Amino acid sequence: MVTNNEAASRYEIHVDGELAGFLEYRNVGGVLALVHTEVDDAYAGQGLGGKLARFALDDVKARGVKISPLCPFVAKYIDKHPEYRVTIR
């Protein structure tokens, strides 16, 4: 399950109730900068990073917010999914 933890400025993914990974963001002048993705080693290779990226990109797209994909993982995800390029600033 992916959630937006606004207090911590990050999207979080939980597996069996435990935090398994997160995608940090910063709001810079109305642009959401996606800065860092981290997934616990126990869950590496299971697609959790992609789920975090997709959730974050769908969230900002639904809110009409522009993004800056500073995180290399998210930038690569956008390259593979061109439908998200319209949200990039």
PDB file of N, CA and C in Angstrom:
ATOM      1  N   MET A   1       0.840  -1.175   0.000  1.00  0.00           N
ATOM      2  CA  MET A   1       0.000   0.000   0.000  1.00  0.00           C
ATOM      3  C   MET A   1       0.889   1.244   0.000  1.00  0.00           C
ATOM      4  N   VAL A   2       0.605   2.178  -0.904  1.00  0.00           N
ATOM      5  CA  VAL A   2       1.353   3.427  -0.997  1.00  0.00           C
ATOM      6  C   VAL A   2       0.490   4.556  -0.433  1.00  0.00           C
ATOM      7  N   THR A   3       1.106   5.412   0.374  1.00  0.00           N
ATOM      8  CA  THR A   3       0.410   6.562   0.957  1.00  0.00           C
ATOM      9  C   THR A   3       1.286   7.797   0.848  1.00  0.00           C
ATOM     10  N   ASN A   4       0.656   8.950   0.951  1.00  0.00           N
ATOM     11  CA  ASN A   4       1.375  10.218   0.967  1.00  0.00           C
ATOM     12  C   ASN A   4       1.473  10.676   2.414  1.00  0.00           C
ATOM     13  N   ASN A   5       2.661  10.624   2.972  1.00  0.00           N
ATOM     14  CA  ASN A   5       2.908  11.096   4.335  1.00  0.00           C
ATOM     15  C   ASN A   5       3.367  12.544   4.224  1.00  0.00           C
ATOM     16  N   GLU A   6       2.406  13.455   4.196  1.00  0.00           N
ATOM     17  CA  GLU A   6       2.721  14.869   3.994  1.00  0.00           C
ATOM     18  C   GLU A   6       3.570  15.431   5.127  1.00  0.00           C
ATOM     19  N   ALA A   7       3.390  14.946   6.341  1.00  0.00           N
ATOM     20  CA  ALA A   7       4.173  15.442   7.475  1.00  0.00           C
ATOM     21  C   ALA A   7       5.664  15.161   7.287  1.00  0.00           C
ATOM     22  N   ALA A   8       5.977  14.041   6.649  1.00  0.00           N
ATOM     23  CA  ALA A   8       7.379  13.672   6.415  1.00  0.00           C
ATOM     24  C   ALA A   8       7.838  14.040   5.005  1.00  0.00           C
ATOM     25  N   SER A   9       6.956  14.617   4.197  1.00  0.00           N
ATOM     26  CA  SER A   9       7.247  14.982   2.802  1.00  0.00           C
ATOM     27  C   SER A   9       7.770  13.783   2.007  1.00  0.00           C
ATOM     28  N   ARG A  10       6.993  12.692   2.075  1.00  0.00           N
ATOM     29  CA  ARG A  10       7.386  11.528   1.294  1.00  0.00           C
ATOM     30  C   ARG A  10       6.192  10.609   1.052  1.00  0.00           C
ATOM     31  N   TYR A  11       6.270   9.923  -0.077  1.00  0.00           N
ATOM     32  CA  TYR A  11       5.338   8.855  -0.375  1.00  0.00           C
ATOM     33  C   TYR A  11       5.935   7.593   0.221  1.00  0.00           C
ATOM     34  N   GLU A  12       5.111   6.786   0.881  1.00  0.00           N
ATOM     35  CA  GLU A  12       5.608   5.598   1.552  1.00  0.00           C
ATOM     36  C   GLU A  12       4.883   4.360   1.050  1.00  0.00           C
ATOM     37  N   ILE A  13       5.615   3.251   0.981  1.00  0.00           N
ATOM     38  CA  ILE A  13       5.009   1.972   0.630  1.00  0.00           C
ATOM     39  C   ILE A  13       5.209   1.020   1.800  1.00  0.00           C
ATOM     40  N   HIS A  14       4.132   0.344   2.163  1.00  0.00           N
ATOM     41  CA  HIS A  14       4.161  -0.582   3.291  1.00  0.00           C
ATOM     42  C   HIS A  14       3.853  -1.993   2.801  1.00  0.00           C
ATOM     43  N   VAL A  15       4.536  -2.963   3.373  1.00  0.00           N
ATOM     44  CA  VAL A  15       4.286  -4.376   3.112  1.00  0.00           C
ATOM     45  C   VAL A  15       4.042  -5.035   4.463  1.00  0.00           C
ATOM     46  N   ASP A  16       2.901  -5.668   4.591  1.00  0.00           N
ATOM     47  CA  ASP A  16       2.519  -6.314   5.857  1.00  0.00           C
ATOM     48  C   ASP A  16       2.608  -5.343   7.030  1.00  0.00           C
ATOM     49  N   GLY A  17       2.199  -4.100   6.799  1.00  0.00           N
ATOM     50  CA  GLY A  17       2.169  -3.092   7.841  1.00  0.00           C
ATOM     51  C   GLY A  17       3.507  -2.450   8.170  1.00  0.00           C
ATOM     52  N   GLU A  18       4.567  -2.891   7.519  1.00  0.00           N
ATOM     53  CA  GLU A  18       5.902  -2.350   7.774  1.00  0.00           C
ATOM     54  C   GLU A  18       6.347  -1.447   6.625  1.00  0.00           C
ATOM     55  N   LEU A  19       7.037  -0.364   6.945  1.00  0.00           N
ATOM     56  CA  LEU A  19       7.570   0.528   5.921  1.00  0.00           C
ATOM     57  C   LEU A  19       8.610  -0.230   5.101  1.00  0.00           C
ATOM     58  N   ALA A  20       8.387  -0.306   3.788  1.00  0.00           N
ATOM     59  CA  ALA A  20       9.294  -1.042   2.902  1.00  0.00           C
ATOM     60  C   ALA A  20      10.078  -0.112   1.988  1.00  0.00           C
ATOM     61  N   GLY A  21       9.616   1.128   1.828  1.00  0.00           N
ATOM     62  CA  GLY A  21      10.317   2.070   0.981  1.00  0.00           C
ATOM     63  C   GLY A  21       9.622   3.419   0.983  1.00  0.00           C
ATOM     64  N   PHE A  22      10.314   4.415   0.412  1.00  0.00           N
ATOM     65  CA  PHE A  22       9.737   5.754   0.358  1.00  0.00           C
ATOM     66  C   PHE A  22      10.336   6.543  -0.798  1.00  0.00           C
ATOM     67  N   LEU A  23       9.630   7.598  -1.167  1.00  0.00           N
ATOM     68  CA  LEU A  23      10.061   8.548  -2.186  1.00  0.00           C
ATOM     69  C   LEU A  23       9.913   9.935  -1.581  1.00  0.00           C
ATOM     70  N   GLU A  24      11.041  10.562  -1.280  1.00  0.00           N
ATOM     71  CA  GLU A  24      11.027  11.892  -0.662  1.00  0.00           C
ATOM     72  C   GLU A  24      10.736  12.966  -1.702  1.00  0.00           C
ATOM     73  N   TYR A  25      10.063  14.026  -1.264  1.00  0.00           N
ATOM     74  CA  TYR A  25       9.802  15.159  -2.139  1.00  0.00           C
ATOM     75  C   TYR A  25       9.914  16.467  -1.376  1.00  0.00           C
ATOM     76  N   ARG A  26      10.104  17.535  -2.127  1.00  0.00           N
ATOM     77  CA  ARG A  26      10.153  18.893  -1.574  1.00  0.00           C
ATOM     78  C   ARG A  26       9.300  19.781  -2.469  1.00  0.00           C
ATOM     79  N   ASN A  27       8.551  20.682  -1.862  1.00  0.00           N
ATOM     80  CA  ASN A  27       7.774  21.650  -2.624  1.00  0.00           C
ATOM     81  C   ASN A  27       8.615  22.912  -2.756  1.00  0.00           C
ATOM     82  N   VAL A  28       9.010  23.201  -3.981  1.00  0.00           N
ATOM     83  CA  VAL A  28       9.871  24.347  -4.248  1.00  0.00           C
ATOM     84  C   VAL A  28       9.122  25.284  -5.197  1.00  0.00           C
ATOM     85  N   GLY A  29       8.568  26.339  -4.641  1.00  0.00           N
ATOM     86  CA  GLY A  29       7.863  27.323  -5.456  1.00  0.00           C
ATOM     87  C   GLY A  29       6.716  26.745  -6.270  1.00  0.00           C
ATOM     88  N   GLY A  30       5.957  25.828  -5.679  1.00  0.00           N
ATOM     89  CA  GLY A  30       4.824  25.237  -6.378  1.00  0.00           C
ATOM     90  C   GLY A  30       5.188  24.072  -7.285  1.00  0.00           C
ATOM     91  N   VAL A  31       6.458  23.713  -7.339  1.00  0.00           N
ATOM     92  CA  VAL A  31       6.921  22.561  -8.114  1.00  0.00           C
ATOM     93  C   VAL A  31       7.323  21.472  -7.124  1.00  0.00           C
ATOM     94  N   LEU A  32       6.808  20.271  -7.342  1.00  0.00           N
ATOM     95  CA  LEU A  32       7.153  19.164  -6.469  1.00  0.00           C
ATOM     96  C   LEU A  32       8.431  18.507  -6.972  1.00  0.00           C
ATOM     97  N   ALA A  33       9.494  18.642  -6.194  1.00  0.00           N
ATOM     98  CA  ALA A  33      10.775  18.036  -6.553  1.00  0.00           C
ATOM     99  C   ALA A  33      10.837  16.656  -5.917  1.00  0.00           C
ATOM    100  N   LEU A  34      10.879  15.624  -6.762  1.00  0.00           N
ATOM    101  CA  LEU A  34      10.992  14.247  -6.291  1.00  0.00           C
ATOM    102  C   LEU A  34      12.482  13.963  -6.152  1.00  0.00           C
ATOM    103  N   VAL A  35      12.947  13.854  -4.913  1.00  0.00           N
ATOM    104  CA  VAL A  35      14.392  13.915  -4.682  1.00  0.00           C
ATOM    105  C   VAL A  35      15.089  12.592  -4.378  1.00  0.00           C
ATOM    106  N   HIS A  36      14.402  11.618  -3.786  1.00  0.00           N
ATOM    107  CA  HIS A  36      15.134  10.409  -3.378  1.00  0.00           C
ATOM    108  C   HIS A  36      14.175   9.241  -3.193  1.00  0.00           C
ATOM    109  N   THR A  37      14.511   8.109  -3.808  1.00  0.00           N
ATOM    110  CA  THR A  37      13.751   6.871  -3.625  1.00  0.00           C
ATOM    111  C   THR A  37      14.623   5.867  -2.892  1.00  0.00           C
ATOM    112  N   GLU A  38      14.022   5.204  -1.923  1.00  0.00           N
ATOM    113  CA  GLU A  38      14.752   4.174  -1.187  1.00  0.00           C
ATOM    114  C   GLU A  38      13.807   3.015  -0.876  1.00  0.00           C
ATOM    115  N   VAL A  39      14.268   1.786  -1.178  1.00  0.00           N
ATOM    116  CA  VAL A  39      13.511   0.573  -0.879  1.00  0.00           C
ATOM    117  C   VAL A  39      14.392  -0.326  -0.029  1.00  0.00           C
ATOM    118  N   ASP A  40      13.816  -0.891   1.017  1.00  0.00           N
ATOM    119  CA  ASP A  40      14.545  -1.803   1.896  1.00  0.00           C
ATOM    120  C   ASP A  40      15.124  -2.953   1.081  1.00  0.00           C
ATOM    121  N   ASP A  41      16.345  -3.344   1.401  1.00  0.00           N
ATOM    122  CA  ASP A  41      17.019  -4.422   0.670  1.00  0.00           C
ATOM    123  C   ASP A  41      16.203  -5.711   0.626  1.00  0.00           C
ATOM    124  N   ALA A  42      15.415  -5.969   1.641  1.00  0.00           N
ATOM    125  CA  ALA A  42      14.609  -7.189   1.689  1.00  0.00           C
ATOM    126  C   ALA A  42      13.568  -7.230   0.577  1.00  0.00           C
ATOM    127  N   TYR A  43      13.235  -6.061   0.010  1.00  0.00           N
ATOM    128  CA  TYR A  43      12.206  -5.978  -1.020  1.00  0.00           C
ATOM    129  C   TYR A  43      12.757  -5.567  -2.386  1.00  0.00           C
ATOM    130  N   ALA A  44      14.071  -5.545  -2.510  1.00  0.00           N
ATOM    131  CA  ALA A  44      14.704  -5.143  -3.770  1.00  0.00           C
ATOM    132  C   ALA A  44      14.268  -6.077  -4.893  1.00  0.00           C
ATOM    133  N   GLY A  45      14.036  -5.497  -6.054  1.00  0.00           N
ATOM    134  CA  GLY A  45      13.677  -6.272  -7.234  1.00  0.00           C
ATOM    135  C   GLY A  45      12.226  -6.697  -7.299  1.00  0.00           C
ATOM    136  N   GLN A  46      11.396  -6.208  -6.401  1.00  0.00           N
ATOM    137  CA  GLN A  46       9.987  -6.590  -6.379  1.00  0.00           C
ATOM    138  C   GLN A  46       9.065  -5.519  -6.977  1.00  0.00           C
ATOM    139  N   GLY A  47       9.654  -4.480  -7.555  1.00  0.00           N
ATOM    140  CA  GLY A  47       8.850  -3.451  -8.208  1.00  0.00           C
ATOM    141  C   GLY A  47       8.286  -2.388  -7.295  1.00  0.00           C
ATOM    142  N   LEU A  48       8.753  -2.340  -6.054  1.00  0.00           N
ATOM    143  CA  LEU A  48       8.211  -1.337  -5.128  1.00  0.00           C
ATOM    144  C   LEU A  48       8.610   0.079  -5.514  1.00  0.00           C
ATOM    145  N   GLY A  49       9.821   0.251  -6.034  1.00  0.00           N
ATOM    146  CA  GLY A  49      10.243   1.575  -6.491  1.00  0.00           C
ATOM    147  C   GLY A  49       9.345   2.084  -7.613  1.00  0.00           C
ATOM    148  N   GLY A  50       8.993   1.203  -8.531  1.00  0.00           N
ATOM    149  CA  GLY A  50       8.079   1.573  -9.615  1.00  0.00           C
ATOM    150  C   GLY A  50       6.703   1.939  -9.107  1.00  0.00           C
ATOM    151  N   LYS A  51       6.224   1.214  -8.101  1.00  0.00           N
ATOM    152  CA  LYS A  51       4.925   1.542  -7.508  1.00  0.00           C
ATOM    153  C   LYS A  51       4.959   2.909  -6.846  1.00  0.00           C
ATOM    154  N   LEU A  52       6.058   3.214  -6.160  1.00  0.00           N
ATOM    155  CA  LEU A  52       6.202   4.537  -5.546  1.00  0.00           C
ATOM    156  C   LEU A  52       6.209   5.634  -6.608  1.00  0.00           C
ATOM    157  N   ALA A  53       6.992   5.437  -7.670  1.00  0.00           N
ATOM    158  CA  ALA A  53       7.076   6.438  -8.735  1.00  0.00           C
ATOM    159  C   ALA A  53       5.713   6.646  -9.390  1.00  0.00           C
ATOM    160  N   ARG A  54       5.035   5.559  -9.715  1.00  0.00           N
ATOM    161  CA  ARG A  54       3.721   5.655 -10.365  1.00  0.00           C
ATOM    162  C   ARG A  54       2.719   6.374  -9.474  1.00  0.00           C
ATOM    163  N   PHE A  55       2.689   6.031  -8.185  1.00  0.00           N
ATOM    164  CA  PHE A  55       1.772   6.678  -7.251  1.00  0.00           C
ATOM    165  C   PHE A  55       2.049   8.174  -7.168  1.00  0.00           C
ATOM    166  N   ALA A  56       3.325   8.531  -7.017  1.00  0.00           N
ATOM    167  CA  ALA A  56       3.700   9.942  -6.918  1.00  0.00           C
ATOM    168  C   ALA A  56       3.324  10.700  -8.183  1.00  0.00           C
ATOM    169  N   LEU A  57       3.632  10.131  -9.332  1.00  0.00           N
ATOM    170  CA  LEU A  57       3.343  10.809 -10.597  1.00  0.00           C
ATOM    171  C   LEU A  57       1.846  10.920 -10.834  1.00  0.00           C
ATOM    172  N   ASP A  58       1.079   9.891 -10.487  1.00  0.00           N
ATOM    173  CA  ASP A  58      -0.378   9.969 -10.618  1.00  0.00           C
ATOM    174  C   ASP A  58      -0.956  11.005  -9.668  1.00  0.00           C
ATOM    175  N   ASP A  59      -0.386  11.091  -8.465  1.00  0.00           N
ATOM    176  CA  ASP A  59      -0.860  12.059  -7.479  1.00  0.00           C
ATOM    177  C   ASP A  59      -0.641  13.488  -7.957  1.00  0.00           C
ATOM    178  N   VAL A  60       0.567  13.787  -8.427  1.00  0.00           N
ATOM    179  CA  VAL A  60       0.823  15.165  -8.867  1.00  0.00           C
ATOM    180  C   VAL A  60       0.054  15.488 -10.139  1.00  0.00           C
ATOM    181  N   LYS A  61      -0.141  14.498 -10.994  1.00  0.00           N
ATOM    182  CA  LYS A  61      -0.920  14.711 -12.216  1.00  0.00           C
ATOM    183  C   LYS A  61      -2.377  15.033 -11.874  1.00  0.00           C
ATOM    184  N   ALA A  62      -2.941  14.301 -10.906  1.00  0.00           N
ATOM    185  CA  ALA A  62      -4.322  14.527 -10.487  1.00  0.00           C
ATOM    186  C   ALA A  62      -4.498  15.899  -9.844  1.00  0.00           C
ATOM    187  N   ARG A  63      -3.462  16.381  -9.173  1.00  0.00           N
ATOM    188  CA  ARG A  63      -3.537  17.695  -8.524  1.00  0.00           C
ATOM    189  C   ARG A  63      -3.139  18.834  -9.444  1.00  0.00           C
ATOM    190  N   GLY A  64      -2.655  18.501 -10.638  1.00  0.00           N
ATOM    191  CA  GLY A  64      -2.254  19.541 -11.584  1.00  0.00           C
ATOM    192  C   GLY A  64      -0.979  20.249 -11.185  1.00  0.00           C
ATOM    193  N   VAL A  65      -0.122  19.570 -10.439  1.00  0.00           N
ATOM    194  CA  VAL A  65       1.140  20.140  -9.962  1.00  0.00           C
ATOM    195  C   VAL A  65       2.245  19.748 -10.931  1.00  0.00           C
ATOM    196  N   LYS A  66       3.174  20.638 -11.151  1.00  0.00           N
ATOM    197  CA  LYS A  66       4.347  20.323 -11.972  1.00  0.00           C
ATOM    198  C   LYS A  66       5.386  19.628 -11.092  1.00  0.00           C
ATOM    199  N   ILE A  67       6.202  18.787 -11.709  1.00  0.00           N
ATOM    200  CA  ILE A  67       7.237  18.092 -10.959  1.00  0.00           C
ATOM    201  C   ILE A  67       8.602  18.342 -11.552  1.00  0.00           C
ATOM    202  N   SER A  68       9.591  18.098 -10.729  1.00  0.00           N
ATOM    203  CA  SER A  68      10.978  18.100 -11.159  1.00  0.00           C
ATOM    204  C   SER A  68      11.572  16.775 -10.670  1.00  0.00           C
ATOM    205  N   PRO A  69      11.819  15.833 -11.588  1.00  0.00           N
ATOM    206  CA  PRO A  69      12.298  14.516 -11.172  1.00  0.00           C
ATOM    207  C   PRO A  69      13.803  14.512 -10.900  1.00  0.00           C
ATOM    208  N   LEU A  70      14.205  15.022  -9.750  1.00  0.00           N
ATOM    209  CA  LEU A  70      15.614  15.078  -9.401  1.00  0.00           C
ATOM    210  C   LEU A  70      16.171  13.693  -9.069  1.00  0.00           C
ATOM    211  N   CYS A  71      15.317  12.796  -8.650  1.00  0.00           N
ATOM    212  CA  CYS A  71      15.721  11.434  -8.319  1.00  0.00           C
ATOM    213  C   CYS A  71      15.979  10.663  -9.613  1.00  0.00           C
ATOM    214  N   PRO A  72      17.177  10.114  -9.797  1.00  0.00           N
ATOM    215  CA  PRO A  72      17.482   9.387 -11.034  1.00  0.00           C
ATOM    216  C   PRO A  72      16.530   8.221 -11.308  1.00  0.00           C
ATOM    217  N   PHE A  73      16.064   7.539 -10.265  1.00  0.00           N
ATOM    218  CA  PHE A  73      15.141   6.426 -10.465  1.00  0.00           C
ATOM    219  C   PHE A  73      13.836   6.910 -11.096  1.00  0.00           C
ATOM    220  N   VAL A  74      13.299   8.014 -10.584  1.00  0.00           N
ATOM    221  CA  VAL A  74      12.047   8.551 -11.114  1.00  0.00           C
ATOM    222  C   VAL A  74      12.252   9.056 -12.539  1.00  0.00           C
ATOM    223  N   ALA A  75      13.375   9.686 -12.814  1.00  0.00           N
ATOM    224  CA  ALA A  75      13.667  10.163 -14.174  1.00  0.00           C
ATOM    225  C   ALA A  75      13.688   8.992 -15.157  1.00  0.00           C
ATOM    226  N   LYS A  76      14.289   7.876 -14.769  1.00  0.00           N
ATOM    227  CA  LYS A  76      14.315   6.685 -15.631  1.00  0.00           C
ATOM    228  C   LYS A  76      12.911   6.120 -15.806  1.00  0.00           C
ATOM    229  N   TYR A  77      12.120   6.157 -14.745  1.00  0.00           N
ATOM    230  CA  TYR A  77      10.741   5.672 -14.823  1.00  0.00           C
ATOM    231  C   TYR A  77       9.949   6.495 -15.831  1.00  0.00           C
ATOM    232  N   ILE A  78      10.128   7.807 -15.797  1.00  0.00           N
ATOM    233  CA  ILE A  78       9.425   8.691 -16.730  1.00  0.00           C
ATOM    234  C   ILE A  78       9.870   8.418 -18.162  1.00  0.00           C
ATOM    235  N   ASP A  79      11.159   8.147 -18.369  1.00  0.00           N
ATOM    236  CA  ASP A  79      11.644   7.808 -19.711  1.00  0.00           C
ATOM    237  C   ASP A  79      10.939   6.584 -20.267  1.00  0.00           C
ATOM    238  N   LYS A  80      10.625   5.631 -19.415  1.00  0.00           N
ATOM    239  CA  LYS A  80       9.957   4.398 -19.840  1.00  0.00           C
ATOM    240  C   LYS A  80       8.445   4.557 -19.957  1.00  0.00           C
ATOM    241  N   HIS A  81       7.898   5.614 -19.367  1.00  0.00           N
ATOM    242  CA  HIS A  81       6.458   5.858 -19.353  1.00  0.00           C
ATOM    243  C   HIS A  81       6.190   7.297 -19.819  1.00  0.00           C
ATOM    244  N   PRO A  82       6.214   7.517 -21.128  1.00  0.00           N
ATOM    245  CA  PRO A  82       6.116   8.878 -21.669  1.00  0.00           C
ATOM    246  C   PRO A  82       4.826   9.623 -21.319  1.00  0.00           C
ATOM    247  N   GLU A  83       3.798   8.913 -20.882  1.00  0.00           N
ATOM    248  CA  GLU A  83       2.559   9.601 -20.509  1.00  0.00           C
ATOM    249  C   GLU A  83       2.759  10.553 -19.332  1.00  0.00           C
ATOM    250  N   TYR A  84       3.842  10.387 -18.587  1.00  0.00           N
ATOM    251  CA  TYR A  84       4.117  11.262 -17.452  1.00  0.00           C
ATOM    252  C   TYR A  84       4.962  12.468 -17.824  1.00  0.00           C
ATOM    253  N   ARG A  85       5.491  12.524 -19.013  1.00  0.00           N
ATOM    254  CA  ARG A  85       6.355  13.641 -19.390  1.00  0.00           C
ATOM    255  C   ARG A  85       5.640  14.985 -19.388  1.00  0.00           C
ATOM    256  N   VAL A  86       4.346  14.997 -19.562  1.00  0.00           N
ATOM    257  CA  VAL A  86       3.609  16.259 -19.607  1.00  0.00           C
ATOM    258  C   VAL A  86       3.597  16.967 -18.259  1.00  0.00           C
ATOM    259  N   THR A  87       3.917  16.260 -17.188  1.00  0.00           N
ATOM    260  CA  THR A  87       3.868  16.889 -15.860  1.00  0.00           C
ATOM    261  C   THR A  87       5.214  17.498 -15.469  1.00  0.00           C
ATOM    262  N   ILE A  88       6.233  17.269 -16.284  1.00  0.00           N
ATOM    263  CA  ILE A  88       7.574  17.744 -15.930  1.00  0.00           C
ATOM    264  C   ILE A  88       7.702  19.231 -16.181  1.00  0.00           C
ATOM    265  N   ARG A  89       8.363  19.888 -15.277  1.00  0.00           N
ATOM    266  CA  ARG A  89       8.639  21.317 -15.459  1.00  0.00           C
ATOM    267  C   ARG A  89      10.006  21.470 -16.061  1.00  0.00           C
TER     268      ARG A  89
END
